[in-house]
Amino acid sequence: WCGTDAAHCVTGCQAGYGTCGLPAASSTWNNLGCYTDTTLARTLSVSYNVAGNTVEKCQDTCAAAGYKYAGVEYGTQCYCDNAIMNNAVPAAAAGCNMPCPGNGAELCGGSNVLNLYSVIPTFQNLGCYTDATNSRTLRTSLNLAGNTNQKCQNACYDAGFKYSGTEFGSQCFCDSSIQASGTLVTDGSCTKACAGDASQICGGANRLTVSAFVTPVNAVVLRPL
């Protein structure tokens, strides 16, 4: 099945996606400004060679590799990581003054300073899914006090997972894909209030309220005219 009928979501050619029939959503990148960096102690530890480097290309590269931070430096350099490393601190904005080779209107850091960006995580509700104790729809369980959908989403994101799911009010599950054993249901069986917020629904008995982290859109710093 390759259409957008919610009843066939994540089956056939759409397996592993789980967003068919739902409106598009996007996360964004937050501009953190100009940050210090050194060759001996990198602010972001993973380097990528990006042809015609721009802020967007570097952000897309980092996002595709699963990183939460992106930084551009000395025009051509692109760095990624999941944390700001080595006690890096904000630097004077004037130091980040080098144009990006792929777009001269954008700033791509400077000498030993980088324009730094972080993902603002956004999740899209995918609906109610079946689950079973002997065949989990999302395989990693997290123990969260006062569980809510947002707490579970953020905990799964921080642990490096794309999908989060709340079940029976208090349970939180994560995974990098929706397992084949789980199917979307529209019978209203996700009815259990969240332990930490009774106004939210956190699944039900053998039912998961599933969400997915969505790919971030770009944010850039432009050179002054």
N, C-alpha and C. Protein backbone atom coordinates (compact mmCIF):
# COMPACT_ATOMS: atom_id res chain seq x y z
N TRP A 1 0.86 -1.20 0.00
CA TRP A 1 0.00 0.00 0.00
C TRP A 1 0.88 1.23 0.00
N CYS A 2 0.65 2.16 -0.94
CA CYS A 2 1.47 3.35 -1.05
C CYS A 2 0.65 4.63 -1.00
N GLY A 3 -0.57 4.55 -0.51
CA GLY A 3 -1.39 5.74 -0.40
C GLY A 3 -1.23 6.42 0.94
N THR A 4 -2.24 7.18 1.34
CA THR A 4 -2.15 7.93 2.60
C THR A 4 -3.28 7.57 3.56
N ASP A 5 -3.94 6.44 3.32
CA ASP A 5 -4.98 5.99 4.22
C ASP A 5 -4.37 5.66 5.57
N ALA A 6 -4.89 6.29 6.64
CA ALA A 6 -4.32 6.09 7.97
C ALA A 6 -4.37 4.63 8.40
N ALA A 7 -5.34 3.88 7.90
CA ALA A 7 -5.47 2.48 8.28
C ALA A 7 -4.31 1.63 7.78
N HIS A 8 -3.59 2.11 6.75
CA HIS A 8 -2.47 1.37 6.19
C HIS A 8 -1.12 2.01 6.55
N CYS A 9 -1.14 2.96 7.45
CA CYS A 9 0.09 3.67 7.79
C CYS A 9 1.15 2.71 8.31
N VAL A 10 2.40 2.96 7.93
CA VAL A 10 3.59 2.16 8.27
C VAL A 10 3.51 0.72 7.79
N THR A 11 2.72 0.43 6.75
CA THR A 11 2.72 -0.90 6.18
C THR A 11 3.20 -0.82 4.74
N GLY A 12 3.60 -1.94 4.20
CA GLY A 12 4.05 -1.99 2.82
C GLY A 12 5.22 -1.05 2.57
N CYS A 13 5.12 -0.25 1.50
CA CYS A 13 6.23 0.63 1.13
C CYS A 13 6.41 1.77 2.12
N GLN A 14 5.45 1.97 3.03
CA GLN A 14 5.55 3.05 4.01
C GLN A 14 6.10 2.57 5.34
N ALA A 15 6.51 1.30 5.42
CA ALA A 15 7.00 0.75 6.66
C ALA A 15 8.17 1.56 7.21
N GLY A 16 8.12 1.83 8.51
CA GLY A 16 9.20 2.55 9.16
C GLY A 16 9.04 4.05 9.16
N TYR A 17 8.02 4.57 8.49
CA TYR A 17 7.85 6.02 8.44
C TYR A 17 6.77 6.48 9.40
N GLY A 18 5.55 6.00 9.25
CA GLY A 18 4.53 6.28 10.24
C GLY A 18 3.94 7.66 10.19
N THR A 19 4.11 8.43 9.12
CA THR A 19 3.56 9.78 9.07
C THR A 19 2.56 9.95 7.94
N CYS A 20 2.17 8.86 7.28
CA CYS A 20 1.24 8.99 6.17
C CYS A 20 -0.12 9.46 6.66
N GLY A 21 -0.76 10.31 5.86
CA GLY A 21 -2.07 10.80 6.19
C GLY A 21 -2.10 11.86 7.27
N LEU A 22 -0.92 12.33 7.72
CA LEU A 22 -0.85 13.33 8.76
C LEU A 22 -0.23 14.61 8.21
N PRO A 23 -0.61 15.77 8.73
CA PRO A 23 -0.03 17.01 8.22
C PRO A 23 1.46 17.09 8.51
N ALA A 24 2.18 17.78 7.63
CA ALA A 24 3.63 17.92 7.79
C ALA A 24 3.95 18.77 9.01
N ALA A 25 5.06 18.48 9.64
CA ALA A 25 5.53 19.27 10.77
C ALA A 25 7.04 19.37 10.66
N SER A 26 7.64 20.33 11.34
CA SER A 26 9.08 20.46 11.26
C SER A 26 9.63 21.03 12.55
N SER A 27 10.84 20.57 12.89
CA SER A 27 11.59 21.18 13.97
C SER A 27 12.37 22.36 13.38
N THR A 28 13.01 23.12 14.23
CA THR A 28 13.82 24.24 13.75
C THR A 28 15.18 24.20 14.43
N TRP A 29 16.11 24.93 13.83
CA TRP A 29 17.43 25.13 14.43
C TRP A 29 17.44 26.46 15.17
N ASN A 30 18.01 26.44 16.37
CA ASN A 30 18.14 27.65 17.18
C ASN A 30 19.53 28.22 16.99
N ASN A 31 19.62 29.50 16.66
CA ASN A 31 20.91 30.18 16.50
C ASN A 31 21.49 30.53 17.86
N LEU A 32 22.60 29.90 18.21
CA LEU A 32 23.24 30.14 19.51
C LEU A 32 24.29 31.24 19.45
N GLY A 33 24.61 31.72 18.23
CA GLY A 33 25.57 32.79 18.09
C GLY A 33 26.97 32.30 17.79
N CYS A 34 27.93 33.18 18.03
CA CYS A 34 29.34 32.91 17.76
C CYS A 34 29.99 32.28 19.00
N TYR A 35 30.71 31.16 18.83
CA TYR A 35 31.32 30.43 19.95
C TYR A 35 32.80 30.21 19.72
N THR A 36 33.53 30.11 20.80
CA THR A 36 34.96 29.82 20.76
C THR A 36 35.21 28.40 20.26
N ASP A 37 36.39 28.19 19.67
CA ASP A 37 36.81 26.87 19.24
C ASP A 37 38.33 26.86 19.14
N THR A 38 38.95 25.70 19.31
CA THR A 38 40.39 25.56 19.09
C THR A 38 40.64 24.22 18.42
N THR A 39 41.77 24.12 17.72
CA THR A 39 42.10 22.88 17.03
C THR A 39 42.44 21.76 18.02
N LEU A 40 42.87 22.11 19.22
CA LEU A 40 43.26 21.10 20.21
C LEU A 40 42.10 20.64 21.07
N ALA A 41 41.03 21.41 21.12
CA ALA A 41 39.87 21.06 21.95
C ALA A 41 38.62 21.58 21.26
N ARG A 42 38.06 20.76 20.39
CA ARG A 42 36.96 21.20 19.55
C ARG A 42 35.66 21.40 20.35
N THR A 43 34.95 22.46 19.96
CA THR A 43 33.63 22.72 20.55
C THR A 43 32.64 21.64 20.13
N LEU A 44 32.69 21.25 18.87
CA LEU A 44 31.92 20.12 18.33
C LEU A 44 32.94 19.15 17.73
N SER A 45 32.87 17.89 18.11
CA SER A 45 34.00 16.99 17.87
C SER A 45 33.98 16.27 16.51
N VAL A 46 32.85 16.29 15.81
CA VAL A 46 32.75 15.53 14.56
C VAL A 46 32.81 16.49 13.37
N SER A 47 33.76 16.25 12.48
CA SER A 47 33.98 17.12 11.32
C SER A 47 33.48 16.46 10.05
N TYR A 48 32.83 17.25 9.20
CA TYR A 48 32.38 16.76 7.90
C TYR A 48 32.92 17.67 6.80
N ASN A 49 33.28 17.06 5.69
CA ASN A 49 33.71 17.80 4.51
C ASN A 49 32.49 18.06 3.63
N VAL A 50 32.00 19.28 3.63
CA VAL A 50 30.77 19.64 2.91
C VAL A 50 31.15 20.54 1.74
N ALA A 51 30.98 20.04 0.52
CA ALA A 51 31.31 20.83 -0.66
C ALA A 51 30.39 22.04 -0.76
N GLY A 52 30.97 23.22 -1.06
CA GLY A 52 30.18 24.44 -1.16
C GLY A 52 29.45 24.73 0.13
N ASN A 53 30.17 24.68 1.23
CA ASN A 53 29.56 24.75 2.56
C ASN A 53 28.66 25.98 2.74
N THR A 54 27.48 25.73 3.32
CA THR A 54 26.57 26.79 3.77
C THR A 54 26.05 26.36 5.13
N VAL A 55 25.37 27.28 5.81
CA VAL A 55 24.77 26.94 7.10
C VAL A 55 23.77 25.80 6.91
N GLU A 56 22.92 25.92 5.87
CA GLU A 56 21.89 24.90 5.65
C GLU A 56 22.49 23.53 5.36
N LYS A 57 23.55 23.52 4.53
CA LYS A 57 24.18 22.24 4.19
C LYS A 57 24.78 21.59 5.42
N CYS A 58 25.41 22.37 6.26
CA CYS A 58 26.00 21.82 7.48
C CYS A 58 24.92 21.33 8.43
N GLN A 59 23.85 22.12 8.61
CA GLN A 59 22.75 21.69 9.46
C GLN A 59 22.13 20.40 8.95
N ASP A 60 21.91 20.32 7.63
CA ASP A 60 21.31 19.12 7.05
C ASP A 60 22.22 17.91 7.24
N THR A 61 23.53 18.11 7.09
CA THR A 61 24.49 17.03 7.28
C THR A 61 24.45 16.52 8.71
N CYS A 62 24.44 17.44 9.67
CA CYS A 62 24.41 17.06 11.09
C CYS A 62 23.09 16.37 11.43
N ALA A 63 21.98 16.90 10.94
CA ALA A 63 20.67 16.31 11.22
C ALA A 63 20.57 14.90 10.65
N ALA A 64 21.07 14.71 9.42
CA ALA A 64 21.01 13.40 8.79
C ALA A 64 21.84 12.37 9.55
N ALA A 65 22.91 12.83 10.22
CA ALA A 65 23.76 11.93 10.99
C ALA A 65 23.27 11.77 12.43
N GLY A 66 22.16 12.44 12.77
CA GLY A 66 21.57 12.27 14.09
C GLY A 66 22.12 13.17 15.17
N TYR A 67 22.80 14.26 14.79
CA TYR A 67 23.38 15.17 15.78
C TYR A 67 22.45 16.33 16.11
N LYS A 68 22.60 16.86 17.32
CA LYS A 68 21.73 17.92 17.82
C LYS A 68 22.35 19.30 17.66
N TYR A 69 23.67 19.36 17.44
CA TYR A 69 24.36 20.64 17.27
C TYR A 69 25.08 20.66 15.93
N ALA A 70 25.09 21.84 15.31
CA ALA A 70 25.83 22.06 14.07
C ALA A 70 26.59 23.37 14.19
N GLY A 71 27.80 23.40 13.63
CA GLY A 71 28.60 24.62 13.67
C GLY A 71 29.40 24.78 12.39
N VAL A 72 29.48 26.02 11.90
CA VAL A 72 30.27 26.32 10.71
C VAL A 72 31.42 27.24 11.10
N GLU A 73 32.59 26.97 10.52
CA GLU A 73 33.81 27.68 10.94
C GLU A 73 34.73 27.91 9.74
N TYR A 74 35.39 29.05 9.76
CA TYR A 74 36.41 29.39 8.76
C TYR A 74 35.88 29.19 7.34
N GLY A 75 34.61 29.47 7.16
CA GLY A 75 34.00 29.38 5.84
C GLY A 75 33.67 27.97 5.41
N THR A 76 34.68 27.12 5.32
CA THR A 76 34.52 25.82 4.68
C THR A 76 34.23 24.67 5.65
N GLN A 77 34.39 24.90 6.95
CA GLN A 77 34.35 23.79 7.90
C GLN A 77 32.95 23.59 8.50
N CYS A 78 32.58 22.31 8.68
CA CYS A 78 31.29 21.95 9.27
C CYS A 78 31.54 20.95 10.40
N TYR A 79 30.99 21.24 11.58
CA TYR A 79 31.15 20.38 12.74
C TYR A 79 29.79 20.02 13.33
N CYS A 80 29.74 18.84 13.94
CA CYS A 80 28.50 18.35 14.56
C CYS A 80 28.83 17.68 15.90
N ASP A 81 27.82 17.61 16.76
CA ASP A 81 27.98 16.88 18.02
C ASP A 81 26.62 16.84 18.71
N ASN A 82 26.56 16.09 19.80
CA ASN A 82 25.35 16.04 20.61
C ASN A 82 25.47 16.84 21.90
N ALA A 83 26.60 17.56 22.06
CA ALA A 83 26.79 18.44 23.21
C ALA A 83 27.86 19.45 22.86
N ILE A 84 27.84 20.59 23.55
CA ILE A 84 28.90 21.59 23.41
C ILE A 84 30.06 21.14 24.29
N MET A 85 31.22 20.94 23.68
CA MET A 85 32.35 20.30 24.35
C MET A 85 33.40 21.31 24.82
N ASN A 86 34.27 20.81 25.72
CA ASN A 86 35.51 21.49 26.11
C ASN A 86 35.30 22.92 26.62
N ASN A 87 34.19 23.10 27.35
CA ASN A 87 33.94 24.39 28.04
C ASN A 87 33.92 25.58 27.08
N ALA A 88 33.46 25.35 25.85
CA ALA A 88 33.35 26.45 24.89
C ALA A 88 32.34 27.48 25.39
N VAL A 89 32.60 28.72 25.08
CA VAL A 89 31.76 29.83 25.55
C VAL A 89 31.46 30.78 24.39
N PRO A 90 30.41 31.60 24.53
CA PRO A 90 30.12 32.58 23.48
C PRO A 90 31.30 33.51 23.23
N ALA A 91 31.48 33.87 21.98
CA ALA A 91 32.54 34.79 21.57
C ALA A 91 31.92 36.05 20.97
N ALA A 92 32.73 37.07 20.78
CA ALA A 92 32.24 38.31 20.18
C ALA A 92 31.71 38.02 18.78
N ALA A 93 30.53 38.52 18.49
CA ALA A 93 29.89 38.26 17.20
C ALA A 93 30.75 38.72 16.04
N ALA A 94 31.55 39.77 16.26
CA ALA A 94 32.37 40.32 15.18
C ALA A 94 33.40 39.31 14.67
N GLY A 95 33.76 38.31 15.51
CA GLY A 95 34.73 37.32 15.09
C GLY A 95 34.20 36.34 14.06
N CYS A 96 32.88 36.13 14.06
CA CYS A 96 32.26 35.25 13.07
C CYS A 96 31.90 36.09 11.86
N ASN A 97 32.86 36.26 10.98
CA ASN A 97 32.69 37.24 9.90
C ASN A 97 33.05 36.69 8.52
N MET A 98 33.25 35.35 8.41
CA MET A 98 33.66 34.79 7.13
C MET A 98 32.44 34.32 6.35
N PRO A 99 32.34 34.70 5.07
CA PRO A 99 31.20 34.26 4.26
C PRO A 99 31.29 32.76 3.97
N CYS A 100 30.15 32.15 3.80
CA CYS A 100 30.10 30.75 3.41
C CYS A 100 30.44 30.61 1.93
N PRO A 101 31.27 29.65 1.55
CA PRO A 101 31.65 29.52 0.14
C PRO A 101 30.47 29.20 -0.77
N GLY A 102 29.44 28.53 -0.22
CA GLY A 102 28.29 28.17 -1.04
C GLY A 102 27.21 29.23 -1.08
N ASN A 103 27.33 30.26 -0.22
CA ASN A 103 26.36 31.36 -0.20
C ASN A 103 27.01 32.53 0.51
N GLY A 104 27.52 33.48 -0.26
CA GLY A 104 28.26 34.60 0.30
C GLY A 104 27.45 35.52 1.17
N ALA A 105 26.12 35.37 1.17
CA ALA A 105 25.26 36.20 2.02
C ALA A 105 25.19 35.66 3.45
N GLU A 106 25.68 34.43 3.66
CA GLU A 106 25.63 33.82 4.99
C GLU A 106 26.99 33.87 5.68
N LEU A 107 26.98 33.82 7.00
CA LEU A 107 28.21 33.78 7.79
C LEU A 107 28.52 32.35 8.21
N CYS A 108 29.76 31.95 8.00
CA CYS A 108 30.23 30.61 8.38
C CYS A 108 31.43 30.73 9.31
N GLY A 109 31.21 31.35 10.47
CA GLY A 109 32.23 31.41 11.50
C GLY A 109 33.40 32.31 11.17
N GLY A 110 34.57 31.96 11.72
CA GLY A 110 35.78 32.73 11.51
C GLY A 110 36.97 31.91 11.94
N SER A 111 38.07 32.57 12.30
CA SER A 111 39.27 31.88 12.75
C SER A 111 39.12 31.53 14.22
N ASN A 112 39.05 30.22 14.51
CA ASN A 112 38.89 29.69 15.86
C ASN A 112 37.59 30.14 16.54
N VAL A 113 36.60 30.46 15.73
CA VAL A 113 35.24 30.71 16.24
C VAL A 113 34.25 30.12 15.22
N LEU A 114 33.10 29.66 15.73
CA LEU A 114 32.10 29.09 14.84
C LEU A 114 30.72 29.64 15.14
N ASN A 115 29.91 29.71 14.08
CA ASN A 115 28.49 29.99 14.25
C ASN A 115 27.82 28.69 14.66
N LEU A 116 27.20 28.69 15.82
CA LEU A 116 26.71 27.46 16.44
C LEU A 116 25.18 27.43 16.43
N TYR A 117 24.63 26.24 16.15
CA TYR A 117 23.18 26.05 16.09
C TYR A 117 22.80 24.77 16.84
N SER A 118 21.62 24.78 17.44
CA SER A 118 21.11 23.58 18.10
C SER A 118 19.68 23.30 17.63
N VAL A 119 19.34 22.03 17.58
CA VAL A 119 17.99 21.64 17.18
C VAL A 119 17.01 21.93 18.30
N ILE A 120 15.87 22.55 17.95
CA ILE A 120 14.74 22.66 18.87
C ILE A 120 13.83 21.48 18.54
N PRO A 121 13.81 20.44 19.39
CA PRO A 121 13.07 19.24 19.01
C PRO A 121 11.56 19.47 18.95
N THR A 122 10.95 18.97 17.90
CA THR A 122 9.51 19.00 17.74
C THR A 122 9.05 17.59 17.39
N PHE A 123 7.95 17.18 18.00
CA PHE A 123 7.42 15.84 17.75
C PHE A 123 6.04 15.93 17.11
N GLN A 124 5.75 14.96 16.26
CA GLN A 124 4.46 14.86 15.61
C GLN A 124 3.72 13.64 16.15
N ASN A 125 2.47 13.85 16.55
CA ASN A 125 1.64 12.76 17.06
C ASN A 125 1.24 11.85 15.92
N LEU A 126 1.56 10.56 16.03
CA LEU A 126 1.24 9.60 14.98
C LEU A 126 -0.01 8.78 15.29
N GLY A 127 -0.58 8.95 16.47
CA GLY A 127 -1.81 8.26 16.79
C GLY A 127 -1.61 7.12 17.77
N CYS A 128 -2.62 6.26 17.85
CA CYS A 128 -2.69 5.16 18.80
C CYS A 128 -2.25 3.86 18.13
N TYR A 129 -1.31 3.14 18.75
CA TYR A 129 -0.76 1.90 18.20
C TYR A 129 -0.94 0.74 19.15
N THR A 130 -1.08 -0.44 18.58
CA THR A 130 -1.12 -1.65 19.40
C THR A 130 0.25 -1.92 20.00
N ASP A 131 0.25 -2.65 21.11
CA ASP A 131 1.51 -3.07 21.75
C ASP A 131 1.26 -4.38 22.48
N ALA A 132 2.33 -5.13 22.73
CA ALA A 132 2.23 -6.39 23.48
C ALA A 132 3.50 -6.57 24.28
N THR A 133 3.38 -7.16 25.46
CA THR A 133 4.55 -7.32 26.34
C THR A 133 5.59 -8.25 25.74
N ASN A 134 5.18 -9.19 24.90
CA ASN A 134 6.13 -10.13 24.31
C ASN A 134 6.60 -9.71 22.92
N SER A 135 6.11 -8.58 22.42
CA SER A 135 6.53 -8.08 21.10
C SER A 135 6.29 -6.58 21.07
N ARG A 136 7.25 -5.83 21.57
CA ARG A 136 7.06 -4.40 21.75
C ARG A 136 7.07 -3.64 20.42
N THR A 137 6.16 -2.67 20.33
CA THR A 137 6.13 -1.78 19.17
C THR A 137 7.32 -0.83 19.20
N LEU A 138 7.68 -0.34 20.38
CA LEU A 138 8.90 0.44 20.63
C LEU A 138 9.65 -0.31 21.72
N ARG A 139 10.91 -0.64 21.47
CA ARG A 139 11.58 -1.68 22.26
C ARG A 139 12.31 -1.22 23.51
N THR A 140 12.60 0.09 23.64
CA THR A 140 13.36 0.57 24.80
C THR A 140 12.42 1.23 25.80
N SER A 141 12.47 0.76 27.04
CA SER A 141 11.61 1.29 28.10
C SER A 141 12.39 2.24 28.99
N LEU A 142 11.79 3.39 29.31
CA LEU A 142 12.39 4.36 30.22
C LEU A 142 11.48 4.56 31.42
N ASN A 143 12.07 4.68 32.59
CA ASN A 143 11.32 4.88 33.82
C ASN A 143 11.29 6.38 34.14
N LEU A 144 10.12 7.01 33.97
CA LEU A 144 9.99 8.44 34.17
C LEU A 144 8.97 8.73 35.26
N ALA A 145 9.35 9.54 36.23
CA ALA A 145 8.40 9.97 37.26
C ALA A 145 7.45 11.01 36.66
N GLY A 146 6.16 10.90 37.00
CA GLY A 146 5.19 11.88 36.50
C GLY A 146 5.14 11.93 34.99
N ASN A 147 5.00 10.79 34.37
CA ASN A 147 5.09 10.68 32.91
C ASN A 147 4.05 11.55 32.20
N THR A 148 4.52 12.23 31.13
CA THR A 148 3.65 12.92 30.18
C THR A 148 4.20 12.63 28.79
N ASN A 149 3.43 13.00 27.77
CA ASN A 149 3.93 12.81 26.40
C ASN A 149 5.20 13.61 26.16
N GLN A 150 5.24 14.85 26.67
CA GLN A 150 6.41 15.70 26.46
C GLN A 150 7.64 15.15 27.18
N LYS A 151 7.44 14.66 28.41
CA LYS A 151 8.58 14.08 29.15
C LYS A 151 9.13 12.87 28.41
N CYS A 152 8.25 12.03 27.92
CA CYS A 152 8.69 10.83 27.20
C CYS A 152 9.37 11.22 25.89
N GLN A 153 8.79 12.16 25.16
CA GLN A 153 9.39 12.62 23.91
C GLN A 153 10.80 13.15 24.14
N ASN A 154 10.96 14.02 25.12
CA ASN A 154 12.26 14.62 25.39
C ASN A 154 13.27 13.58 25.86
N ALA A 155 12.82 12.63 26.69
CA ALA A 155 13.73 11.59 27.19
C ALA A 155 14.19 10.70 26.04
N CYS A 156 13.27 10.36 25.13
CA CYS A 156 13.65 9.53 23.98
C CYS A 156 14.60 10.30 23.05
N TYR A 157 14.31 11.57 22.84
CA TYR A 157 15.18 12.39 22.00
C TYR A 157 16.58 12.49 22.60
N ASP A 158 16.66 12.75 23.91
CA ASP A 158 17.96 12.86 24.57
C ASP A 158 18.73 11.54 24.51
N ALA A 159 18.01 10.43 24.45
CA ALA A 159 18.65 9.12 24.36
C ALA A 159 18.98 8.73 22.92
N GLY A 160 18.65 9.61 21.96
CA GLY A 160 19.02 9.37 20.58
C GLY A 160 18.00 8.62 19.74
N PHE A 161 16.75 8.56 20.21
CA PHE A 161 15.70 7.85 19.48
C PHE A 161 14.81 8.80 18.71
N LYS A 162 14.23 8.32 17.63
CA LYS A 162 13.31 9.12 16.81
C LYS A 162 11.87 9.01 17.29
N TYR A 163 11.48 7.82 17.76
CA TYR A 163 10.08 7.58 18.13
C TYR A 163 9.93 7.46 19.64
N SER A 164 8.81 7.99 20.14
CA SER A 164 8.47 7.84 21.55
C SER A 164 7.03 7.38 21.67
N GLY A 165 6.72 6.69 22.76
CA GLY A 165 5.36 6.23 22.97
C GLY A 165 5.04 6.13 24.45
N THR A 166 3.87 6.59 24.82
CA THR A 166 3.40 6.48 26.20
C THR A 166 2.30 5.43 26.27
N GLU A 167 2.31 4.67 27.37
CA GLU A 167 1.38 3.55 27.51
C GLU A 167 0.88 3.44 28.94
N PHE A 168 -0.40 3.16 29.07
CA PHE A 168 -1.05 2.91 30.36
C PHE A 168 -0.75 4.00 31.38
N GLY A 169 -0.62 5.25 30.89
CA GLY A 169 -0.46 6.40 31.77
C GLY A 169 0.96 6.66 32.22
N SER A 170 1.64 5.62 32.72
CA SER A 170 2.92 5.83 33.38
C SER A 170 4.13 5.32 32.60
N GLN A 171 3.93 4.60 31.52
CA GLN A 171 5.03 3.95 30.81
C GLN A 171 5.51 4.78 29.62
N CYS A 172 6.84 4.74 29.38
CA CYS A 172 7.46 5.46 28.27
C CYS A 172 8.35 4.49 27.50
N PHE A 173 8.17 4.45 26.19
CA PHE A 173 8.96 3.58 25.31
C PHE A 173 9.57 4.40 24.17
N CYS A 174 10.73 3.94 23.68
CA CYS A 174 11.45 4.62 22.61
C CYS A 174 11.96 3.60 21.60
N ASP A 175 12.22 4.09 20.38
CA ASP A 175 12.87 3.25 19.38
C ASP A 175 13.29 4.12 18.21
N SER A 176 14.11 3.55 17.34
CA SER A 176 14.52 4.24 16.12
C SER A 176 13.60 3.95 14.96
N SER A 177 12.67 3.00 15.13
CA SER A 177 11.66 2.71 14.13
C SER A 177 10.47 2.06 14.82
N ILE A 178 9.32 2.12 14.17
CA ILE A 178 8.12 1.43 14.68
C ILE A 178 8.19 -0.01 14.22
N GLN A 179 8.17 -0.95 15.16
CA GLN A 179 8.32 -2.36 14.82
C GLN A 179 7.06 -2.88 14.11
N ALA A 180 7.27 -3.91 13.28
CA ALA A 180 6.20 -4.43 12.44
C ALA A 180 5.03 -4.97 13.24
N SER A 181 5.27 -5.33 14.50
CA SER A 181 4.19 -5.88 15.32
C SER A 181 3.16 -4.84 15.72
N GLY A 182 3.53 -3.55 15.63
CA GLY A 182 2.62 -2.48 16.02
C GLY A 182 1.80 -1.98 14.85
N THR A 183 0.52 -1.79 15.07
CA THR A 183 -0.35 -1.28 14.01
C THR A 183 -1.17 -0.11 14.53
N LEU A 184 -1.45 0.82 13.64
CA LEU A 184 -2.27 1.97 13.97
C LEU A 184 -3.72 1.54 14.16
N VAL A 185 -4.35 2.01 15.24
CA VAL A 185 -5.76 1.68 15.49
C VAL A 185 -6.54 2.97 15.65
N THR A 186 -7.77 2.94 15.24
CA THR A 186 -8.64 4.12 15.31
C THR A 186 -9.92 3.81 16.08
N ASP A 187 -9.81 2.88 17.05
CA ASP A 187 -10.99 2.44 17.79
C ASP A 187 -11.17 3.18 19.11
N GLY A 188 -10.37 4.24 19.32
CA GLY A 188 -10.51 5.02 20.55
C GLY A 188 -10.01 4.32 21.79
N SER A 189 -9.07 3.37 21.63
CA SER A 189 -8.61 2.59 22.78
C SER A 189 -7.45 3.23 23.53
N CYS A 190 -6.90 4.35 23.03
CA CYS A 190 -5.93 5.13 23.82
C CYS A 190 -6.71 6.13 24.65
N THR A 191 -6.96 5.76 25.90
CA THR A 191 -7.85 6.56 26.76
C THR A 191 -7.28 6.83 28.14
N LYS A 192 -6.07 6.35 28.42
CA LYS A 192 -5.52 6.47 29.77
C LYS A 192 -4.87 7.83 29.98
N ALA A 193 -5.24 8.52 31.05
CA ALA A 193 -4.65 9.82 31.37
C ALA A 193 -3.19 9.65 31.76
N CYS A 194 -2.37 10.63 31.40
CA CYS A 194 -0.95 10.60 31.77
C CYS A 194 -0.79 10.77 33.28
N ALA A 195 0.18 10.05 33.84
CA ALA A 195 0.40 10.10 35.28
C ALA A 195 0.77 11.51 35.75
N GLY A 196 1.47 12.26 34.89
CA GLY A 196 1.94 13.58 35.29
C GLY A 196 1.05 14.72 34.82
N ASP A 197 0.02 14.42 34.03
CA ASP A 197 -0.89 15.46 33.53
C ASP A 197 -2.17 14.79 33.06
N ALA A 198 -3.20 14.86 33.88
CA ALA A 198 -4.45 14.15 33.59
C ALA A 198 -5.18 14.71 32.38
N SER A 199 -4.76 15.87 31.87
CA SER A 199 -5.40 16.43 30.69
C SER A 199 -4.86 15.81 29.40
N GLN A 200 -3.77 15.04 29.49
CA GLN A 200 -3.18 14.38 28.33
C GLN A 200 -3.52 12.89 28.33
N ILE A 201 -3.52 12.30 27.13
CA ILE A 201 -3.73 10.86 26.98
C ILE A 201 -2.38 10.19 26.75
N CYS A 202 -2.10 9.19 27.57
CA CYS A 202 -0.86 8.42 27.46
C CYS A 202 -1.19 6.96 27.23
N GLY A 203 -1.70 6.66 26.03
CA GLY A 203 -1.95 5.29 25.65
C GLY A 203 -3.11 4.65 26.37
N GLY A 204 -2.96 3.35 26.62
CA GLY A 204 -3.99 2.57 27.31
C GLY A 204 -3.44 1.19 27.59
N ALA A 205 -4.32 0.23 27.83
CA ALA A 205 -3.89 -1.15 28.05
C ALA A 205 -3.46 -1.75 26.72
N ASN A 206 -2.17 -2.09 26.62
CA ASN A 206 -1.59 -2.59 25.37
C ASN A 206 -1.81 -1.64 24.20
N ARG A 207 -1.80 -0.35 24.51
CA ARG A 207 -1.93 0.69 23.50
C ARG A 207 -0.93 1.81 23.77
N LEU A 208 -0.32 2.32 22.71
CA LEU A 208 0.69 3.36 22.78
C LEU A 208 0.22 4.63 22.08
N THR A 209 0.41 5.77 22.72
CA THR A 209 0.30 7.05 22.02
C THR A 209 1.69 7.35 21.46
N VAL A 210 1.83 7.27 20.14
CA VAL A 210 3.15 7.32 19.49
C VAL A 210 3.40 8.69 18.88
N SER A 211 4.64 9.17 19.04
CA SER A 211 5.09 10.42 18.44
C SER A 211 6.41 10.19 17.73
N ALA A 212 6.72 11.06 16.76
CA ALA A 212 7.99 10.97 16.03
C ALA A 212 8.66 12.33 15.99
N PHE A 213 9.98 12.33 16.23
CA PHE A 213 10.78 13.54 16.04
C PHE A 213 10.83 13.87 14.56
N VAL A 214 10.62 15.13 14.22
CA VAL A 214 10.59 15.52 12.81
C VAL A 214 11.84 16.30 12.43
N THR A 215 12.23 16.16 11.18
CA THR A 215 13.48 16.73 10.67
C THR A 215 13.47 18.25 10.80
N PRO A 216 14.56 18.84 11.31
CA PRO A 216 14.59 20.29 11.49
C PRO A 216 14.72 21.05 10.18
N VAL A 217 14.10 22.24 10.13
CA VAL A 217 14.31 23.16 9.02
C VAL A 217 15.45 24.09 9.37
N ASN A 218 15.98 24.77 8.39
CA ASN A 218 17.22 25.52 8.58
C ASN A 218 17.02 26.90 9.20
N ALA A 219 18.06 27.35 9.91
CA ALA A 219 18.16 28.72 10.38
C ALA A 219 19.55 29.21 10.04
N VAL A 220 19.68 30.45 9.61
CA VAL A 220 20.97 30.96 9.15
C VAL A 220 21.24 32.35 9.73
N VAL A 221 22.51 32.70 9.73
CA VAL A 221 22.93 34.08 10.04
C VAL A 221 23.45 34.69 8.77
N LEU A 222 22.86 35.80 8.37
CA LEU A 222 23.26 36.47 7.12
C LEU A 222 24.32 37.54 7.39
N ARG A 223 25.15 37.75 6.39
CA ARG A 223 26.14 38.83 6.49
C ARG A 223 25.42 40.17 6.42
N PRO A 224 25.88 41.16 7.19
CA PRO A 224 25.27 42.48 7.10
C PRO A 224 25.57 43.10 5.75
N LEU A 225 24.59 43.83 5.22
CA LEU A 225 24.77 44.48 3.92
C LEU A 225 25.67 45.69 4.03
